[in-house]
Amino acid sequence: RILRSYAVGWFRQAPGKERDFVATINWTGDTTYYADSVKGRFT
């Protein structure tokens, strides 16, 4: 249940590329941020 104490982020890494930020959500679930490349498509 410790997950509720942390923000959680999603990252992705394609072959030969850096690990890039995708999205993150805070501990209460009321604040989110997205990479420009996924806005409007990912939740």
PDB file of all heavy atoms in Angstrom:
ATOM      1  N   ARG A   1       0.816  -1.217   0.000  1.00  0.00           N
ATOM      2  CA  ARG A   1       0.000   0.000   0.000  1.00  0.00           C
ATOM      3  C   ARG A   1       0.846   1.262   0.000  1.00  0.00           C
ATOM      4  O   ARG A   1       0.287   2.361  -0.087  1.00  0.00           O
ATOM      5  CB  ARG A   1      -0.931  -0.004   1.210  1.00  0.00           C
ATOM      6  CG  ARG A   1      -1.868  -1.203   1.247  1.00  0.00           C
ATOM      7  CD  ARG A   1      -2.755  -1.178   2.473  1.00  0.00           C
ATOM      8  NE  ARG A   1      -3.707  -0.078   2.436  1.00  0.00           N
ATOM      9  CZ  ARG A   1      -4.566   0.197   3.417  1.00  0.00           C
ATOM     10  NH1 ARG A   1      -4.585  -0.548   4.511  1.00  0.00           N
ATOM     11  NH2 ARG A   1      -5.404   1.218   3.293  1.00  0.00           N
ATOM     12  N   ILE A   2       2.164   1.132   0.082  1.00  0.00           N
ATOM     13  CA  ILE A   2       3.065   2.278   0.113  1.00  0.00           C
ATOM     14  C   ILE A   2       2.971   3.110  -1.159  1.00  0.00           C
ATOM     15  O   ILE A   2       3.365   4.279  -1.174  1.00  0.00           O
ATOM     16  CB  ILE A   2       4.511   1.815   0.362  1.00  0.00           C
ATOM     17  CG1 ILE A   2       5.422   2.991   0.728  1.00  0.00           C
ATOM     18  CG2 ILE A   2       5.042   1.087  -0.873  1.00  0.00           C
ATOM     19  CD1 ILE A   2       5.040   3.677   2.017  1.00  0.00           C
ATOM     20  N   LEU A   3       2.446   2.544  -2.227  1.00  0.00           N
ATOM     21  CA  LEU A   3       2.330   3.269  -3.490  1.00  0.00           C
ATOM     22  C   LEU A   3       1.604   4.594  -3.323  1.00  0.00           C
ATOM     23  O   LEU A   3       1.918   5.570  -3.995  1.00  0.00           O
ATOM     24  CB  LEU A   3       1.639   2.402  -4.534  1.00  0.00           C
ATOM     25  CG  LEU A   3       1.442   3.015  -5.915  1.00  0.00           C
ATOM     26  CD1 LEU A   3       2.782   3.312  -6.570  1.00  0.00           C
ATOM     27  CD2 LEU A   3       0.601   2.090  -6.788  1.00  0.00           C
ATOM     28  N   ARG A   4       0.651   4.656  -2.427  1.00  0.00           N
ATOM     29  CA  ARG A   4      -0.120   5.882  -2.236  1.00  0.00           C
ATOM     30  C   ARG A   4       0.716   7.031  -1.708  1.00  0.00           C
ATOM     31  O   ARG A   4       0.280   8.187  -1.764  1.00  0.00           O
ATOM     32  CB  ARG A   4      -1.309   5.624  -1.310  1.00  0.00           C
ATOM     33  CG  ARG A   4      -0.918   5.318   0.134  1.00  0.00           C
ATOM     34  CD  ARG A   4      -2.152   5.013   0.972  1.00  0.00           C
ATOM     35  NE  ARG A   4      -2.816   3.801   0.512  1.00  0.00           N
ATOM     36  CZ  ARG A   4      -3.987   3.375   0.977  1.00  0.00           C
ATOM     37  NH1 ARG A   4      -4.622   4.062   1.918  1.00  0.00           N
ATOM     38  NH2 ARG A   4      -4.521   2.265   0.509  1.00  0.00           N
ATOM     39  N   SER A   5       1.903   6.739  -1.208  1.00  0.00           N
ATOM     40  CA  SER A   5       2.786   7.764  -0.667  1.00  0.00           C
ATOM     41  C   SER A   5       3.695   8.384  -1.725  1.00  0.00           C
ATOM     42  O   SER A   5       4.410   9.345  -1.432  1.00  0.00           O
ATOM     43  CB  SER A   5       3.656   7.181   0.452  1.00  0.00           C
ATOM     44  OG  SER A   5       2.861   6.685   1.518  1.00  0.00           O
ATOM     45  N   TYR A   6       3.672   7.848  -2.928  1.00  0.00           N
ATOM     46  CA  TYR A   6       4.571   8.283  -3.981  1.00  0.00           C
ATOM     47  C   TYR A   6       3.816   8.788  -5.203  1.00  0.00           C
ATOM     48  O   TYR A   6       2.692   8.361  -5.477  1.00  0.00           O
ATOM     49  CB  TYR A   6       5.469   7.132  -4.448  1.00  0.00           C
ATOM     50  CG  TYR A   6       6.397   6.579  -3.401  1.00  0.00           C
ATOM     51  CD1 TYR A   6       6.036   5.462  -2.665  1.00  0.00           C
ATOM     52  CD2 TYR A   6       7.627   7.163  -3.170  1.00  0.00           C
ATOM     53  CE1 TYR A   6       6.876   4.942  -1.703  1.00  0.00           C
ATOM     54  CE2 TYR A   6       8.490   6.650  -2.218  1.00  0.00           C
ATOM     55  CZ  TYR A   6       8.105   5.538  -1.489  1.00  0.00           C
ATOM     56  OH  TYR A   6       8.963   5.018  -0.549  1.00  0.00           O
ATOM     57  N   ALA A   7       4.475   9.702  -5.913  1.00  0.00           N
ATOM     58  CA  ALA A   7       4.067   9.952  -7.282  1.00  0.00           C
ATOM     59  C   ALA A   7       4.539   8.783  -8.140  1.00  0.00           C
ATOM     60  O   ALA A   7       5.518   8.110  -7.812  1.00  0.00           O
ATOM     61  CB  ALA A   7       4.667  11.258  -7.788  1.00  0.00           C
ATOM     62  N   VAL A   8       3.847   8.539  -9.229  1.00  0.00           N
ATOM     63  CA  VAL A   8       4.227   7.480 -10.146  1.00  0.00           C
ATOM     64  C   VAL A   8       4.372   8.059 -11.539  1.00  0.00           C
ATOM     65  O   VAL A   8       3.504   8.814 -11.994  1.00  0.00           O
ATOM     66  CB  VAL A   8       3.203   6.332 -10.154  1.00  0.00           C
ATOM     67  CG1 VAL A   8       3.516   5.335 -11.265  1.00  0.00           C
ATOM     68  CG2 VAL A   8       3.204   5.619  -8.807  1.00  0.00           C
ATOM     69  N   GLY A   9       5.466   7.727 -12.181  1.00  0.00           N
ATOM     70  CA  GLY A   9       5.712   8.174 -13.533  1.00  0.00           C
ATOM     71  C   GLY A   9       5.804   7.003 -14.489  1.00  0.00           C
ATOM     72  O   GLY A   9       6.179   5.889 -14.111  1.00  0.00           O
ATOM     73  N   TRP A  10       5.438   7.266 -15.726  1.00  0.00           N
ATOM     74  CA  TRP A  10       5.649   6.323 -16.820  1.00  0.00           C
ATOM     75  C   TRP A  10       6.729   6.888 -17.737  1.00  0.00           C
ATOM     76  O   TRP A  10       6.703   8.073 -18.089  1.00  0.00           O
ATOM     77  CB  TRP A  10       4.375   6.085 -17.633  1.00  0.00           C
ATOM     78  CG  TRP A  10       3.385   5.187 -16.971  1.00  0.00           C
ATOM     79  CD1 TRP A  10       2.308   5.551 -16.224  1.00  0.00           C
ATOM     80  CD2 TRP A  10       3.378   3.750 -17.011  1.00  0.00           C
ATOM     81  NE1 TRP A  10       1.625   4.448 -15.794  1.00  0.00           N
ATOM     82  CE2 TRP A  10       2.259   3.327 -16.260  1.00  0.00           C
ATOM     83  CE3 TRP A  10       4.196   2.792 -17.602  1.00  0.00           C
ATOM     84  CZ2 TRP A  10       1.948   1.976 -16.089  1.00  0.00           C
ATOM     85  CZ3 TRP A  10       3.886   1.456 -17.429  1.00  0.00           C
ATOM     86  CH2 TRP A  10       2.773   1.062 -16.678  1.00  0.00           C
ATOM     87  N   PHE A  11       7.657   6.028 -18.120  1.00  0.00           N
ATOM     88  CA  PHE A  11       8.739   6.369 -19.026  1.00  0.00           C
ATOM     89  C   PHE A  11       8.798   5.314 -20.111  1.00  0.00           C
ATOM     90  O   PHE A  11       8.275   4.211 -19.952  1.00  0.00           O
ATOM     91  CB  PHE A  11      10.077   6.446 -18.283  1.00  0.00           C
ATOM     92  CG  PHE A  11      10.129   7.525 -17.238  1.00  0.00           C
ATOM     93  CD1 PHE A  11       9.534   7.348 -16.003  1.00  0.00           C
ATOM     94  CD2 PHE A  11      10.770   8.726 -17.505  1.00  0.00           C
ATOM     95  CE1 PHE A  11       9.576   8.344 -15.036  1.00  0.00           C
ATOM     96  CE2 PHE A  11      10.826   9.733 -16.552  1.00  0.00           C
ATOM     97  CZ  PHE A  11      10.223   9.543 -15.323  1.00  0.00           C
ATOM     98  N   ARG A  12       9.452   5.650 -21.208  1.00  0.00           N
ATOM     99  CA  ARG A  12       9.605   4.668 -22.272  1.00  0.00           C
ATOM    100  C   ARG A  12      10.972   4.817 -22.920  1.00  0.00           C
ATOM    101  O   ARG A  12      11.560   5.893 -22.943  1.00  0.00           O
ATOM    102  CB  ARG A  12       8.499   4.803 -23.324  1.00  0.00           C
ATOM    103  CG  ARG A  12       8.501   6.116 -24.100  1.00  0.00           C
ATOM    104  CD  ARG A  12       7.262   6.197 -24.980  1.00  0.00           C
ATOM    105  NE  ARG A  12       7.246   7.406 -25.799  1.00  0.00           N
ATOM    106  CZ  ARG A  12       6.229   7.757 -26.575  1.00  0.00           C
ATOM    107  NH1 ARG A  12       5.144   6.997 -26.647  1.00  0.00           N
ATOM    108  NH2 ARG A  12       6.309   8.880 -27.291  1.00  0.00           N
ATOM    109  N   GLN A  13      11.449   3.710 -23.454  1.00  0.00           N
ATOM    110  CA  GLN A  13      12.750   3.698 -24.087  1.00  0.00           C
ATOM    111  C   GLN A  13      12.694   2.857 -25.355  1.00  0.00           C
ATOM    112  O   GLN A  13      12.414   1.661 -25.303  1.00  0.00           O
ATOM    113  CB  GLN A  13      13.818   3.146 -23.139  1.00  0.00           C
ATOM    114  CG  GLN A  13      15.229   3.257 -23.679  1.00  0.00           C
ATOM    115  CD  GLN A  13      16.271   2.979 -22.616  1.00  0.00           C
ATOM    116  OE1 GLN A  13      15.992   2.354 -21.600  1.00  0.00           O
ATOM    117  NE2 GLN A  13      17.486   3.442 -22.854  1.00  0.00           N
ATOM    118  N   ALA A  14      12.952   3.502 -26.470  1.00  0.00           N
ATOM    119  CA  ALA A  14      13.012   2.832 -27.756  1.00  0.00           C
ATOM    120  C   ALA A  14      14.455   2.420 -28.029  1.00  0.00           C
ATOM    121  O   ALA A  14      15.388   2.992 -27.461  1.00  0.00           O
ATOM    122  CB  ALA A  14      12.503   3.750 -28.856  1.00  0.00           C
ATOM    123  N   PRO A  15      14.661   1.433 -28.898  1.00  0.00           N
ATOM    124  CA  PRO A  15      16.022   0.989 -29.197  1.00  0.00           C
ATOM    125  C   PRO A  15      16.916   2.135 -29.661  1.00  0.00           C
ATOM    126  O   PRO A  15      16.536   2.907 -30.538  1.00  0.00           O
ATOM    127  CB  PRO A  15      15.825  -0.040 -30.311  1.00  0.00           C
ATOM    128  CG  PRO A  15      14.446  -0.566 -30.075  1.00  0.00           C
ATOM    129  CD  PRO A  15      13.656   0.628 -29.597  1.00  0.00           C
ATOM    130  N   GLY A  16      18.083   2.252 -29.051  1.00  0.00           N
ATOM    131  CA  GLY A  16      19.037   3.271 -29.428  1.00  0.00           C
ATOM    132  C   GLY A  16      18.717   4.671 -28.956  1.00  0.00           C
ATOM    133  O   GLY A  16      19.415   5.619 -29.337  1.00  0.00           O
ATOM    134  N   LYS A  17      17.688   4.827 -28.137  1.00  0.00           N
ATOM    135  CA  LYS A  17      17.287   6.141 -27.670  1.00  0.00           C
ATOM    136  C   LYS A  17      17.316   6.205 -26.150  1.00  0.00           C
ATOM    137  O   LYS A  17      17.393   5.193 -25.463  1.00  0.00           O
ATOM    138  CB  LYS A  17      15.888   6.491 -28.188  1.00  0.00           C
ATOM    139  CG  LYS A  17      15.794   6.594 -29.700  1.00  0.00           C
ATOM    140  CD  LYS A  17      14.415   7.043 -30.141  1.00  0.00           C
ATOM    141  CE  LYS A  17      14.328   7.185 -31.645  1.00  0.00           C
ATOM    142  NZ  LYS A  17      12.975   7.624 -32.078  1.00  0.00           N
ATOM    143  N   GLU A  18      17.239   7.429 -25.638  1.00  0.00           N
ATOM    144  CA  GLU A  18      17.209   7.645 -24.203  1.00  0.00           C
ATOM    145  C   GLU A  18      15.852   7.254 -23.632  1.00  0.00           C
ATOM    146  O   GLU A  18      14.857   7.158 -24.350  1.00  0.00           O
ATOM    147  CB  GLU A  18      17.498   9.111 -23.881  1.00  0.00           C
ATOM    148  CG  GLU A  18      18.865   9.593 -24.302  1.00  0.00           C
ATOM    149  CD  GLU A  18      19.092  11.052 -23.954  1.00  0.00           C
ATOM    150  OE1 GLU A  18      18.099  11.751 -23.661  1.00  0.00           O
ATOM    151  OE2 GLU A  18      20.250  11.485 -23.963  1.00  0.00           O
ATOM    152  N   ARG A  19      15.842   7.042 -22.335  1.00  0.00           N
ATOM    153  CA  ARG A  19      14.589   6.801 -21.643  1.00  0.00           C
ATOM    154  C   ARG A  19      13.865   8.133 -21.466  1.00  0.00           C
ATOM    155  O   ARG A  19      14.382   9.055 -20.826  1.00  0.00           O
ATOM    156  CB  ARG A  19      14.848   6.137 -20.291  1.00  0.00           C
ATOM    157  CG  ARG A  19      13.582   5.738 -19.549  1.00  0.00           C
ATOM    158  CD  ARG A  19      13.902   4.914 -18.312  1.00  0.00           C
ATOM    159  NE  ARG A  19      14.542   3.652 -18.662  1.00  0.00           N
ATOM    160  CZ  ARG A  19      14.849   2.708 -17.783  1.00  0.00           C
ATOM    161  NH1 ARG A  19      14.578   2.889 -16.501  1.00  0.00           N
ATOM    162  NH2 ARG A  19      15.439   1.594 -18.184  1.00  0.00           N
ATOM    163  N   ASP A  20      12.674   8.240 -22.021  1.00  0.00           N
ATOM    164  CA  ASP A  20      11.947   9.497 -22.064  1.00  0.00           C
ATOM    165  C   ASP A  20      10.728   9.479 -21.151  1.00  0.00           C
ATOM    166  O   ASP A  20      10.066   8.454 -20.971  1.00  0.00           O
ATOM    167  CB  ASP A  20      11.483   9.806 -23.489  1.00  0.00           C
ATOM    168  CG  ASP A  20      12.626  10.102 -24.435  1.00  0.00           C
ATOM    169  OD1 ASP A  20      13.654  10.631 -23.985  1.00  0.00           O
ATOM    170  OD2 ASP A  20      12.482   9.807 -25.638  1.00  0.00           O
ATOM    171  N   PHE A  21      10.431  10.640 -20.633  1.00  0.00           N
ATOM    172  CA  PHE A  21       9.249  10.831 -19.808  1.00  0.00           C
ATOM    173  C   PHE A  21       7.986  10.701 -20.642  1.00  0.00           C
ATOM    174  O   PHE A  21       7.918  11.182 -21.775  1.00  0.00           O
ATOM    175  CB  PHE A  21       9.306  12.211 -19.156  1.00  0.00           C
ATOM    176  CG  PHE A  21       8.021  12.648 -18.520  1.00  0.00           C
ATOM    177  CD1 PHE A  21       7.634  12.145 -17.293  1.00  0.00           C
ATOM    178  CD2 PHE A  21       7.204  13.564 -19.153  1.00  0.00           C
ATOM    179  CE1 PHE A  21       6.454  12.546 -16.703  1.00  0.00           C
ATOM    180  CE2 PHE A  21       6.022  13.979 -18.574  1.00  0.00           C
ATOM    181  CZ  PHE A  21       5.651  13.458 -17.340  1.00  0.00           C
ATOM    182  N   VAL A  22       6.958  10.074 -20.072  1.00  0.00           N
ATOM    183  CA  VAL A  22       5.666   9.936 -20.733  1.00  0.00           C
ATOM    184  C   VAL A  22       4.575  10.659 -19.954  1.00  0.00           C
ATOM    185  O   VAL A  22       3.877  11.509 -20.492  1.00  0.00           O
ATOM    186  CB  VAL A  22       5.281   8.459 -20.915  1.00  0.00           C
ATOM    187  CG1 VAL A  22       3.882   8.342 -21.521  1.00  0.00           C
ATOM    188  CG2 VAL A  22       6.304   7.746 -21.793  1.00  0.00           C
ATOM    189  N   ALA A  23       4.424  10.318 -18.677  1.00  0.00           N
ATOM    190  CA  ALA A  23       3.364  10.904 -17.860  1.00  0.00           C
ATOM    191  C   ALA A  23       3.670  10.657 -16.394  1.00  0.00           C
ATOM    192  O   ALA A  23       4.410   9.736 -16.044  1.00  0.00           O
ATOM    193  CB  ALA A  23       1.998  10.313 -18.212  1.00  0.00           C
ATOM    194  N   THR A  24       3.083  11.464 -15.531  1.00  0.00           N
ATOM    195  CA  THR A  24       3.235  11.263 -14.097  1.00  0.00           C
ATOM    196  C   THR A  24       1.959  11.683 -13.387  1.00  0.00           C
ATOM    197  O   THR A  24       1.192  12.508 -13.903  1.00  0.00           O
ATOM    198  CB  THR A  24       4.453  12.029 -13.541  1.00  0.00           C
ATOM    199  OG1 THR A  24       4.681  11.675 -12.177  1.00  0.00           O
ATOM    200  CG2 THR A  24       4.252  13.539 -13.641  1.00  0.00           C
ATOM    201  N   ILE A  25       1.737  11.122 -12.211  1.00  0.00           N
ATOM    202  CA  ILE A  25       0.548  11.404 -11.422  1.00  0.00           C
ATOM    203  C   ILE A  25       0.952  11.499  -9.964  1.00  0.00           C
ATOM    204  O   ILE A  25       1.804  10.744  -9.490  1.00  0.00           O
ATOM    205  CB  ILE A  25      -0.539  10.327 -11.654  1.00  0.00           C
ATOM    206  CG1 ILE A  25      -1.856  10.715 -10.985  1.00  0.00           C
ATOM    207  CG2 ILE A  25      -0.053   8.965 -11.170  1.00  0.00           C
ATOM    208  CD1 ILE A  25      -3.023   9.842 -11.441  1.00  0.00           C
ATOM    209  N   ASN A  26       0.345  12.432  -9.233  1.00  0.00           N
ATOM    210  CA  ASN A  26       0.731  12.632  -7.848  1.00  0.00           C
ATOM    211  C   ASN A  26       0.050  11.628  -6.917  1.00  0.00           C
ATOM    212  O   ASN A  26      -0.737  10.782  -7.352  1.00  0.00           O
ATOM    213  CB  ASN A  26       0.450  14.072  -7.416  1.00  0.00           C
ATOM    214  CG  ASN A  26      -1.028  14.378  -7.238  1.00  0.00           C
ATOM    215  OD1 ASN A  26      -1.892  13.660  -7.717  1.00  0.00           O
ATOM    216  ND2 ASN A  26      -1.309  15.472  -6.535  1.00  0.00           N
ATOM    217  N   TRP A  27       0.333  11.749  -5.621  1.00  0.00           N
ATOM    218  CA  TRP A  27      -0.108  10.757  -4.656  1.00  0.00           C
ATOM    219  C   TRP A  27      -1.613  10.742  -4.453  1.00  0.00           C
ATOM    220  O   TRP A  27      -2.160   9.713  -4.036  1.00  0.00           O
ATOM    221  CB  TRP A  27       0.598  11.000  -3.324  1.00  0.00           C
ATOM    222  CG  TRP A  27       0.476  12.407  -2.818  1.00  0.00           C
ATOM    223  CD1 TRP A  27      -0.445  12.899  -1.952  1.00  0.00           C
ATOM    224  CD2 TRP A  27       1.337  13.506  -3.151  1.00  0.00           C
ATOM    225  NE1 TRP A  27      -0.228  14.233  -1.725  1.00  0.00           N
ATOM    226  CE2 TRP A  27       0.861  14.632  -2.453  1.00  0.00           C
ATOM    227  CE3 TRP A  27       2.451  13.645  -3.981  1.00  0.00           C
ATOM    228  CZ2 TRP A  27       1.467  15.891  -2.554  1.00  0.00           C
ATOM    229  CZ3 TRP A  27       3.054  14.898  -4.084  1.00  0.00           C
ATOM    230  CH2 TRP A  27       2.562  15.991  -3.372  1.00  0.00           C
ATOM    231  N   THR A  28      -2.278  11.847  -4.707  1.00  0.00           N
ATOM    232  CA  THR A  28      -3.725  11.893  -4.563  1.00  0.00           C
ATOM    233  C   THR A  28      -4.466  11.630  -5.870  1.00  0.00           C
ATOM    234  O   THR A  28      -5.688  11.465  -5.862  1.00  0.00           O
ATOM    235  CB  THR A  28      -4.180  13.248  -4.014  1.00  0.00           C
ATOM    236  OG1 THR A  28      -3.752  14.293  -4.884  1.00  0.00           O
ATOM    237  CG2 THR A  28      -3.592  13.483  -2.622  1.00  0.00           C
ATOM    238  N   GLY A  29      -3.753  11.622  -6.963  1.00  0.00           N
ATOM    239  CA  GLY A  29      -4.363  11.351  -8.252  1.00  0.00           C
ATOM    240  C   GLY A  29      -5.057  12.527  -8.896  1.00  0.00           C
ATOM    241  O   GLY A  29      -5.755  12.356  -9.904  1.00  0.00           O
ATOM    242  N   ASP A  30      -4.881  13.723  -8.353  1.00  0.00           N
ATOM    243  CA  ASP A  30      -5.575  14.891  -8.876  1.00  0.00           C
ATOM    244  C   ASP A  30      -4.701  15.793  -9.736  1.00  0.00           C
ATOM    245  O   ASP A  30      -5.195  16.798 -10.251  1.00  0.00           O
ATOM    246  CB  ASP A  30      -6.188  15.705  -7.741  1.00  0.00           C
ATOM    247  CG  ASP A  30      -5.158  16.223  -6.750  1.00  0.00           C
ATOM    248  OD1 ASP A  30      -4.013  15.743  -6.762  1.00  0.00           O
ATOM    249  OD2 ASP A  30      -5.514  17.106  -5.949  1.00  0.00           O
ATOM    250  N   THR A  31      -3.426  15.452  -9.885  1.00  0.00           N
ATOM    251  CA  THR A  31      -2.521  16.243 -10.705  1.00  0.00           C
ATOM    252  C   THR A  31      -1.754  15.327 -11.634  1.00  0.00           C
ATOM    253  O   THR A  31      -1.171  14.338 -11.186  1.00  0.00           O
ATOM    254  CB  THR A  31      -1.537  17.045  -9.842  1.00  0.00           C
ATOM    255  OG1 THR A  31      -2.268  17.888  -8.937  1.00  0.00           O
ATOM    256  CG2 THR A  31      -0.640  17.911 -10.718  1.00  0.00           C
ATOM    257  N   THR A  32      -1.757  15.659 -12.908  1.00  0.00           N
ATOM    258  CA  THR A  32      -1.055  14.859 -13.900  1.00  0.00           C
ATOM    259  C   THR A  32      -0.283  15.758 -14.854  1.00  0.00           C
ATOM    260  O   THR A  32      -0.643  16.919 -15.072  1.00  0.00           O
ATOM    261  CB  THR A  32      -2.020  13.989 -14.720  1.00  0.00           C
ATOM    262  OG1 THR A  32      -2.971  14.833 -15.384  1.00  0.00           O
ATOM    263  CG2 THR A  32      -2.759  13.010 -13.821  1.00  0.00           C
ATOM    264  N   TYR A  33       0.778  15.209 -15.428  1.00  0.00           N
ATOM    265  CA  TYR A  33       1.550  15.881 -16.459  1.00  0.00           C
ATOM    266  C   TYR A  33       1.868  14.875 -17.546  1.00  0.00           C
ATOM    267  O   TYR A  33       2.076  13.693 -17.272  1.00  0.00           O
ATOM    268  CB  TYR A  33       2.844  16.475 -15.897  1.00  0.00           C
ATOM    269  CG  TYR A  33       2.628  17.571 -14.892  1.00  0.00           C
ATOM    270  CD1 TYR A  33       2.747  17.320 -13.531  1.00  0.00           C
ATOM    271  CD2 TYR A  33       2.307  18.861 -15.307  1.00  0.00           C
ATOM    272  CE1 TYR A  33       2.544  18.323 -12.603  1.00  0.00           C
ATOM    273  CE2 TYR A  33       2.102  19.866 -14.379  1.00  0.00           C
ATOM    274  CZ  TYR A  33       2.223  19.592 -13.026  1.00  0.00           C
ATOM    275  OH  TYR A  33       2.021  20.593 -12.108  1.00  0.00           O
ATOM    276  N   TYR A  34       1.927  15.367 -18.776  1.00  0.00           N
ATOM    277  CA  TYR A  34       2.170  14.509 -19.926  1.00  0.00           C
ATOM    278  C   TYR A  34       3.240  15.096 -20.826  1.00  0.00           C
ATOM    279  O   TYR A  34       3.373  16.314 -20.947  1.00  0.00           O
ATOM    280  CB  TYR A  34       0.896  14.337 -20.760  1.00  0.00           C
ATOM    281  CG  TYR A  34      -0.237  13.655 -20.040  1.00  0.00           C
ATOM    282  CD1 TYR A  34      -1.178  14.388 -19.337  1.00  0.00           C
ATOM    283  CD2 TYR A  34      -0.366  12.271 -20.078  1.00  0.00           C
ATOM    284  CE1 TYR A  34      -2.223  13.764 -18.678  1.00  0.00           C
ATOM    285  CE2 TYR A  34      -1.407  11.637 -19.425  1.00  0.00           C
ATOM    286  CZ  TYR A  34      -2.332  12.388 -18.725  1.00  0.00           C
ATOM    287  OH  TYR A  34      -3.366  11.760 -18.079  1.00  0.00           O
ATOM    288  N   ALA A  35       3.978  14.215 -21.463  1.00  0.00           N
ATOM    289  CA  ALA A  35       4.856  14.653 -22.528  1.00  0.00           C
ATOM    290  C   ALA A  35       4.023  15.166 -23.693  1.00  0.00           C
ATOM    291  O   ALA A  35       2.916  14.679 -23.946  1.00  0.00           O
ATOM    292  CB  ALA A  35       5.747  13.499 -22.995  1.00  0.00           C
ATOM    293  N   ASP A  36       4.551  16.155 -24.401  1.00  0.00           N
ATOM    294  CA  ASP A  36       3.806  16.728 -25.522  1.00  0.00           C
ATOM    295  C   ASP A  36       3.434  15.679 -26.563  1.00  0.00           C
ATOM    296  O   ASP A  36       2.373  15.767 -27.190  1.00  0.00           O
ATOM    297  CB  ASP A  36       4.619  17.835 -26.185  1.00  0.00           C
ATOM    298  CG  ASP A  36       4.734  19.076 -25.329  1.00  0.00           C
ATOM    299  OD1 ASP A  36       3.930  19.244 -24.392  1.00  0.00           O
ATOM    300  OD2 ASP A  36       5.635  19.891 -25.600  1.00  0.00           O
ATOM    301  N   SER A  37       4.277  14.690 -26.735  1.00  0.00           N
ATOM    302  CA  SER A  37       4.060  13.693 -27.764  1.00  0.00           C
ATOM    303  C   SER A  37       2.858  12.787 -27.495  1.00  0.00           C
ATOM    304  O   SER A  37       2.376  12.122 -28.420  1.00  0.00           O
ATOM    305  CB  SER A  37       5.314  12.833 -27.938  1.00  0.00           C
ATOM    306  OG  SER A  37       5.649  12.173 -26.734  1.00  0.00           O
ATOM    307  N   VAL A  38       2.378  12.750 -26.252  1.00  0.00           N
ATOM    308  CA  VAL A  38       1.275  11.850 -25.916  1.00  0.00           C
ATOM    309  C   VAL A  38       0.029  12.582 -25.441  1.00  0.00           C
ATOM    310  O   VAL A  38      -0.999  11.937 -25.195  1.00  0.00           O
ATOM    311  CB  VAL A  38       1.697  10.808 -24.867  1.00  0.00           C
ATOM    312  CG1 VAL A  38       2.943  10.062 -25.320  1.00  0.00           C
ATOM    313  CG2 VAL A  38       1.930  11.461 -23.505  1.00  0.00           C
ATOM    314  N   LYS A  39       0.089  13.888 -25.316  1.00  0.00           N
ATOM    315  CA  LYS A  39      -1.077  14.646 -24.856  1.00  0.00           C
ATOM    316  C   LYS A  39      -2.269  14.417 -25.775  1.00  0.00           C
ATOM    317  O   LYS A  39      -2.146  14.452 -26.991  1.00  0.00           O
ATOM    318  CB  LYS A  39      -0.753  16.133 -24.792  1.00  0.00           C
ATOM    319  CG  LYS A  39       0.149  16.528 -23.649  1.00  0.00           C
ATOM    320  CD  LYS A  39       0.409  18.028 -23.648  1.00  0.00           C
ATOM    321  CE  LYS A  39       1.306  18.427 -22.493  1.00  0.00           C
ATOM    322  NZ  LYS A  39       1.614  19.881 -22.511  1.00  0.00           N
ATOM    323  N   GLY A  40      -3.410  14.173 -25.159  1.00  0.00           N
ATOM    324  CA  GLY A  40      -4.625  13.933 -25.916  1.00  0.00           C
ATOM    325  C   GLY A  40      -4.809  12.500 -26.339  1.00  0.00           C
ATOM    326  O   GLY A  40      -5.899  12.123 -26.798  1.00  0.00           O
ATOM    327  N   ARG A  41      -3.773  11.671 -26.200  1.00  0.00           N
ATOM    328  CA  ARG A  41      -3.861  10.271 -26.591  1.00  0.00           C
ATOM    329  C   ARG A  41      -3.712   9.322 -25.400  1.00  0.00           C
ATOM    330  O   ARG A  41      -4.351   8.268 -25.373  1.00  0.00           O
ATOM    331  CB  ARG A  41      -2.786   9.928 -27.626  1.00  0.00           C
ATOM    332  CG  ARG A  41      -2.894  10.737 -28.914  1.00  0.00           C
ATOM    333  CD  ARG A  41      -1.932  10.215 -29.974  1.00  0.00           C
ATOM    334  NE  ARG A  41      -0.536  10.334 -29.544  1.00  0.00           N
ATOM    335  CZ  ARG A  41       0.301   9.310 -29.427  1.00  0.00           C
ATOM    336  NH1 ARG A  41      -0.112   8.074 -29.708  1.00  0.00           N
ATOM    337  NH2 ARG A  41       1.563   9.506 -29.048  1.00  0.00           N
ATOM    338  N   PHE A  42      -2.870   9.689 -24.450  1.00  0.00           N
ATOM    339  CA  PHE A  42      -2.614   8.845 -23.285  1.00  0.00           C
ATOM    340  C   PHE A  42      -3.255   9.463 -22.052  1.00  0.00           C
ATOM    341  O   PHE A  42      -3.319  10.694 -21.913  1.00  0.00           O
ATOM    342  CB  PHE A  42      -1.115   8.707 -23.022  1.00  0.00           C
ATOM    343  CG  PHE A  42      -0.355   7.913 -24.052  1.00  0.00           C
ATOM    344  CD1 PHE A  42      -0.928   7.525 -25.250  1.00  0.00           C
ATOM    345  CD2 PHE A  42       0.960   7.560 -23.795  1.00  0.00           C
ATOM    346  CE1 PHE A  42      -0.222   6.802 -26.193  1.00  0.00           C
ATOM    347  CE2 PHE A  42       1.685   6.831 -24.724  1.00  0.00           C
ATOM    348  CZ  PHE A  42       1.102   6.447 -25.921  1.00  0.00           C
ATOM    349  N   THR A  43      -3.692   8.616 -21.134  1.00  0.00           N
ATOM    350  CA  THR A  43      -4.257   9.064 -19.871  1.00  0.00           C
ATOM    351  C   THR A  43      -3.671   8.238 -18.737  1.00  0.00           C
ATOM    352  O   THR A  43      -3.740   7.010 -18.768  1.00  0.00           O
ATOM    353  CB  THR A  43      -5.788   8.940 -19.859  1.00  0.00           C
ATOM    354  OG1 THR A  43      -6.352   9.696 -20.931  1.00  0.00           O
ATOM    355  CG2 THR A  43      -6.347   9.455 -18.534  1.00  0.00           C
TER     356      THR A  43
END
